[in-house]
Amino acid sequence: LLDEPTAHLDVRHQLEIIETIAGLGLTVVAVLHDPALALRFADQALLLGEGRLSAVGPAPEVLSADRLGALFGVQVEPAQTASGQVVFGFQAQRAIKE
C-alpha cells in the first residue's frame, strides 16, 4: 500500500520508482495524483472526488479525459506521444470562458 510514492521526485526518479514497483510482480495499491502516470502503470483505477467514489474499473476507462474533466472541473486535452504513451494537458474552466 503506497501513498504518493513519487511525491517530490524529479521525473526520472518517478519513473524509476514506478517501474521498480511494477516489476516486483506484486499486487500494489497506490495513491497517485498524476493521472498520466497512473494510466501508464495501473491495470485498475478508481477516482475519488470530495471523499466519494467517482469511478472504478480498467484504468483506460476510468482515467479518460471526460471523467477527469468532470471530476476536477477543468478542460482535459489528452495527447498520445510517439511512443504511444498518453499525456494530459489541463486548462482551468475560467481560462476557457475568457
N, C-alpha and C. Protein backbone atom coordinates (compact mmCIF):
# COMPACT_ATOMS: atom_id res chain seq x y z
N LEU A 1 0.86 -1.17 0.00
CA LEU A 1 0.00 0.00 0.00
C LEU A 1 0.90 1.23 0.00
N LEU A 2 0.82 2.03 -1.05
CA LEU A 2 1.71 3.18 -1.20
C LEU A 2 0.92 4.48 -1.31
N ASP A 3 1.30 5.47 -0.54
CA ASP A 3 0.66 6.77 -0.58
C ASP A 3 1.62 7.77 -1.21
N GLU A 4 1.35 8.13 -2.44
CA GLU A 4 2.17 9.09 -3.19
C GLU A 4 3.66 8.70 -3.19
N PRO A 5 4.00 7.53 -3.71
CA PRO A 5 5.39 7.09 -3.68
C PRO A 5 6.33 7.94 -4.54
N THR A 6 5.78 8.77 -5.41
CA THR A 6 6.63 9.58 -6.28
C THR A 6 6.60 11.07 -5.91
N ALA A 7 5.96 11.40 -4.80
CA ALA A 7 5.87 12.81 -4.40
C ALA A 7 7.26 13.42 -4.22
N HIS A 8 7.42 14.60 -4.73
CA HIS A 8 8.65 15.40 -4.58
C HIS A 8 9.86 14.83 -5.32
N LEU A 9 9.62 13.90 -6.25
CA LEU A 9 10.72 13.35 -7.03
C LEU A 9 10.74 13.97 -8.42
N ASP A 10 11.93 14.08 -9.00
CA ASP A 10 12.02 14.52 -10.38
C ASP A 10 11.49 13.40 -11.28
N VAL A 11 11.25 13.73 -12.54
CA VAL A 11 10.60 12.80 -13.47
C VAL A 11 11.37 11.48 -13.59
N ARG A 12 12.68 11.54 -13.73
CA ARG A 12 13.45 10.31 -13.87
C ARG A 12 13.25 9.38 -12.69
N HIS A 13 13.30 9.94 -11.49
CA HIS A 13 13.15 9.12 -10.30
C HIS A 13 11.71 8.64 -10.11
N GLN A 14 10.74 9.42 -10.54
CA GLN A 14 9.35 8.96 -10.51
C GLN A 14 9.21 7.69 -11.35
N LEU A 15 9.74 7.75 -12.57
CA LEU A 15 9.65 6.59 -13.45
C LEU A 15 10.41 5.39 -12.90
N GLU A 16 11.60 5.64 -12.35
CA GLU A 16 12.38 4.53 -11.78
C GLU A 16 11.63 3.85 -10.64
N ILE A 17 11.02 4.64 -9.77
CA ILE A 17 10.28 4.07 -8.64
C ILE A 17 9.09 3.26 -9.14
N ILE A 18 8.29 3.83 -10.03
CA ILE A 18 7.10 3.14 -10.52
C ILE A 18 7.49 1.89 -11.31
N GLU A 19 8.51 1.98 -12.15
CA GLU A 19 8.94 0.80 -12.91
C GLU A 19 9.47 -0.30 -11.98
N THR A 20 10.16 0.08 -10.93
CA THR A 20 10.65 -0.90 -9.96
C THR A 20 9.48 -1.58 -9.26
N ILE A 21 8.52 -0.79 -8.83
CA ILE A 21 7.34 -1.35 -8.17
C ILE A 21 6.58 -2.27 -9.12
N ALA A 22 6.39 -1.83 -10.36
CA ALA A 22 5.66 -2.64 -11.34
C ALA A 22 6.38 -3.95 -11.63
N GLY A 23 7.69 -3.95 -11.56
CA GLY A 23 8.48 -5.14 -11.86
C GLY A 23 8.55 -6.16 -10.73
N LEU A 24 7.96 -5.85 -9.59
CA LEU A 24 8.02 -6.76 -8.44
C LEU A 24 7.09 -7.96 -8.58
N GLY A 25 6.11 -7.85 -9.46
CA GLY A 25 5.16 -8.95 -9.63
C GLY A 25 4.18 -9.08 -8.47
N LEU A 26 3.95 -8.00 -7.75
CA LEU A 26 3.04 -7.99 -6.61
C LEU A 26 1.80 -7.17 -6.93
N THR A 27 0.75 -7.42 -6.20
CA THR A 27 -0.41 -6.53 -6.26
C THR A 27 -0.09 -5.31 -5.41
N VAL A 28 -0.21 -4.14 -6.01
CA VAL A 28 0.13 -2.90 -5.32
C VAL A 28 -1.07 -1.96 -5.40
N VAL A 29 -1.41 -1.37 -4.28
CA VAL A 29 -2.42 -0.32 -4.23
C VAL A 29 -1.66 0.97 -3.96
N ALA A 30 -1.80 1.94 -4.87
CA ALA A 30 -1.05 3.19 -4.73
C ALA A 30 -1.95 4.38 -4.97
N VAL A 31 -1.73 5.43 -4.21
CA VAL A 31 -2.39 6.71 -4.44
C VAL A 31 -1.45 7.54 -5.30
N LEU A 32 -1.93 7.96 -6.46
CA LEU A 32 -1.16 8.81 -7.35
C LEU A 32 -2.03 9.99 -7.77
N HIS A 33 -1.45 11.18 -7.78
CA HIS A 33 -2.20 12.36 -8.23
C HIS A 33 -1.90 12.71 -9.68
N ASP A 34 -1.05 11.97 -10.32
CA ASP A 34 -0.72 12.18 -11.73
C ASP A 34 -1.47 11.14 -12.56
N PRO A 35 -2.57 11.55 -13.22
CA PRO A 35 -3.36 10.56 -13.96
C PRO A 35 -2.60 9.90 -15.11
N ALA A 36 -1.67 10.61 -15.74
CA ALA A 36 -0.89 10.02 -16.83
C ALA A 36 0.03 8.92 -16.30
N LEU A 37 0.62 9.14 -15.15
CA LEU A 37 1.49 8.13 -14.53
C LEU A 37 0.66 6.93 -14.11
N ALA A 38 -0.50 7.18 -13.53
CA ALA A 38 -1.39 6.09 -13.13
C ALA A 38 -1.85 5.30 -14.35
N LEU A 39 -2.20 6.00 -15.41
CA LEU A 39 -2.66 5.34 -16.63
C LEU A 39 -1.57 4.47 -17.23
N ARG A 40 -0.34 4.94 -17.14
CA ARG A 40 0.78 4.20 -17.72
C ARG A 40 1.05 2.89 -17.01
N PHE A 41 0.83 2.84 -15.70
CA PHE A 41 1.24 1.67 -14.93
C PHE A 41 0.11 0.87 -14.29
N ALA A 42 -1.07 1.44 -14.16
CA ALA A 42 -2.15 0.75 -13.44
C ALA A 42 -3.00 -0.09 -14.37
N ASP A 43 -3.39 -1.25 -13.88
CA ASP A 43 -4.36 -2.07 -14.59
C ASP A 43 -5.77 -1.59 -14.26
N GLN A 44 -6.00 -1.32 -12.99
CA GLN A 44 -7.29 -0.85 -12.50
C GLN A 44 -7.09 0.50 -11.82
N ALA A 45 -8.14 1.31 -11.82
CA ALA A 45 -8.04 2.62 -11.19
C ALA A 45 -9.38 2.98 -10.55
N LEU A 46 -9.32 3.87 -9.60
CA LEU A 46 -10.54 4.46 -9.08
C LEU A 46 -10.29 5.94 -8.87
N LEU A 47 -11.36 6.69 -9.06
CA LEU A 47 -11.30 8.14 -8.88
C LEU A 47 -12.12 8.50 -7.66
N LEU A 48 -11.55 9.36 -6.83
CA LEU A 48 -12.26 9.88 -5.68
C LEU A 48 -12.44 11.38 -5.85
N GLY A 49 -13.62 11.86 -5.53
CA GLY A 49 -13.89 13.29 -5.58
C GLY A 49 -14.73 13.68 -4.38
N GLU A 50 -14.27 14.66 -3.64
CA GLU A 50 -14.97 15.14 -2.45
C GLU A 50 -15.27 13.99 -1.48
N GLY A 51 -14.31 13.07 -1.36
CA GLY A 51 -14.44 11.96 -0.43
C GLY A 51 -15.35 10.84 -0.89
N ARG A 52 -15.78 10.89 -2.13
CA ARG A 52 -16.69 9.86 -2.64
C ARG A 52 -16.09 9.18 -3.86
N LEU A 53 -16.47 7.93 -4.05
CA LEU A 53 -16.05 7.18 -5.22
C LEU A 53 -16.74 7.75 -6.44
N SER A 54 -15.95 8.12 -7.44
CA SER A 54 -16.48 8.68 -8.67
C SER A 54 -16.53 7.65 -9.78
N ALA A 55 -15.50 6.80 -9.86
CA ALA A 55 -15.44 5.78 -10.90
C ALA A 55 -14.44 4.72 -10.48
N VAL A 56 -14.67 3.49 -10.95
CA VAL A 56 -13.74 2.39 -10.69
C VAL A 56 -13.82 1.43 -11.87
N GLY A 57 -12.66 0.87 -12.25
CA GLY A 57 -12.63 -0.07 -13.35
C GLY A 57 -11.27 -0.08 -14.03
N PRO A 58 -11.23 -0.58 -15.26
CA PRO A 58 -9.97 -0.59 -16.01
C PRO A 58 -9.42 0.84 -16.16
N ALA A 59 -8.12 0.99 -15.94
CA ALA A 59 -7.50 2.32 -15.94
C ALA A 59 -7.82 3.14 -17.18
N PRO A 60 -7.76 2.59 -18.40
CA PRO A 60 -8.05 3.42 -19.58
C PRO A 60 -9.48 3.97 -19.60
N GLU A 61 -10.42 3.24 -19.02
CA GLU A 61 -11.80 3.72 -18.96
C GLU A 61 -11.99 4.76 -17.87
N VAL A 62 -11.42 4.50 -16.71
CA VAL A 62 -11.60 5.40 -15.56
C VAL A 62 -10.83 6.70 -15.74
N LEU A 63 -9.63 6.62 -16.30
CA LEU A 63 -8.78 7.81 -16.43
C LEU A 63 -8.93 8.44 -17.81
N SER A 64 -10.17 8.63 -18.22
CA SER A 64 -10.44 9.28 -19.50
C SER A 64 -10.51 10.79 -19.33
N ALA A 65 -10.31 11.50 -20.40
CA ALA A 65 -10.35 12.96 -20.37
C ALA A 65 -11.70 13.46 -19.87
N ASP A 66 -12.78 12.84 -20.33
CA ASP A 66 -14.12 13.27 -19.91
C ASP A 66 -14.32 13.10 -18.40
N ARG A 67 -13.94 11.95 -17.88
CA ARG A 67 -14.10 11.71 -16.44
C ARG A 67 -13.22 12.63 -15.60
N LEU A 68 -11.96 12.79 -16.01
CA LEU A 68 -11.06 13.67 -15.27
C LEU A 68 -11.55 15.11 -15.31
N GLY A 69 -12.00 15.55 -16.47
CA GLY A 69 -12.51 16.91 -16.59
C GLY A 69 -13.72 17.16 -15.71
N ALA A 70 -14.66 16.21 -15.72
CA ALA A 70 -15.86 16.35 -14.90
C ALA A 70 -15.52 16.34 -13.41
N LEU A 71 -14.62 15.46 -13.02
CA LEU A 71 -14.26 15.34 -11.61
C LEU A 71 -13.56 16.59 -11.08
N PHE A 72 -12.61 17.11 -11.85
CA PHE A 72 -11.80 18.23 -11.38
C PHE A 72 -12.28 19.60 -11.85
N GLY A 73 -13.29 19.63 -12.72
CA GLY A 73 -13.81 20.91 -13.18
C GLY A 73 -12.83 21.66 -14.07
N VAL A 74 -12.10 20.92 -14.90
CA VAL A 74 -11.14 21.53 -15.82
C VAL A 74 -11.34 20.92 -17.21
N GLN A 75 -10.79 21.59 -18.19
CA GLN A 75 -10.77 21.03 -19.54
C GLN A 75 -9.53 20.14 -19.62
N VAL A 76 -9.70 18.93 -20.13
CA VAL A 76 -8.61 17.98 -20.23
C VAL A 76 -8.39 17.66 -21.70
N GLU A 77 -7.17 17.81 -22.14
CA GLU A 77 -6.82 17.52 -23.52
C GLU A 77 -5.80 16.39 -23.53
N PRO A 78 -6.24 15.17 -23.88
CA PRO A 78 -5.28 14.06 -23.95
C PRO A 78 -4.50 14.11 -25.25
N ALA A 79 -3.29 13.61 -25.20
CA ALA A 79 -2.45 13.51 -26.40
C ALA A 79 -1.65 12.22 -26.29
N GLN A 80 -1.30 11.68 -27.42
CA GLN A 80 -0.50 10.46 -27.43
C GLN A 80 0.89 10.79 -27.95
N THR A 81 1.90 10.33 -27.23
CA THR A 81 3.28 10.57 -27.64
C THR A 81 3.66 9.61 -28.75
N ALA A 82 4.81 9.83 -29.34
CA ALA A 82 5.29 8.95 -30.41
C ALA A 82 5.48 7.52 -29.92
N SER A 83 5.75 7.35 -28.62
CA SER A 83 5.93 6.01 -28.07
C SER A 83 4.60 5.37 -27.66
N GLY A 84 3.51 6.11 -27.83
CA GLY A 84 2.19 5.57 -27.52
C GLY A 84 1.67 5.89 -26.13
N GLN A 85 2.45 6.62 -25.34
CA GLN A 85 2.00 6.99 -24.00
C GLN A 85 0.99 8.12 -24.08
N VAL A 86 -0.01 8.09 -23.20
CA VAL A 86 -1.00 9.16 -23.13
C VAL A 86 -0.54 10.18 -22.11
N VAL A 87 -0.62 11.44 -22.48
CA VAL A 87 -0.34 12.55 -21.57
C VAL A 87 -1.57 13.46 -21.57
N PHE A 88 -1.71 14.23 -20.53
CA PHE A 88 -2.86 15.12 -20.41
C PHE A 88 -2.42 16.56 -20.28
N GLY A 89 -3.13 17.44 -20.96
CA GLY A 89 -2.99 18.87 -20.75
C GLY A 89 -4.22 19.34 -20.01
N PHE A 90 -4.06 20.23 -19.05
CA PHE A 90 -5.18 20.71 -18.24
C PHE A 90 -5.31 22.21 -18.37
N GLN A 91 -6.56 22.67 -18.43
CA GLN A 91 -6.81 24.11 -18.50
C GLN A 91 -7.98 24.43 -17.59
N ALA A 92 -7.82 25.45 -16.76
CA ALA A 92 -8.88 25.85 -15.84
C ALA A 92 -10.11 26.32 -16.61
N GLN A 93 -11.28 26.08 -16.07
CA GLN A 93 -12.52 26.46 -16.73
C GLN A 93 -12.61 27.97 -16.93
N ARG A 94 -12.13 28.75 -15.97
CA ARG A 94 -12.22 30.21 -16.11
C ARG A 94 -11.41 30.70 -17.32
N ALA A 95 -10.30 30.04 -17.60
CA ALA A 95 -9.49 30.43 -18.76
C ALA A 95 -10.21 30.08 -20.06
N ILE A 96 -11.04 29.07 -20.05
CA ILE A 96 -11.77 28.65 -21.23
C ILE A 96 -12.85 29.66 -21.59
N LYS A 97 -13.49 30.24 -20.57
CA LYS A 97 -14.61 31.17 -20.79
C LYS A 97 -14.17 32.52 -21.31
N GLU A 98 -12.93 32.90 -21.07
CA GLU A 98 -12.43 34.22 -21.45
C GLU A 98 -12.21 34.33 -22.94
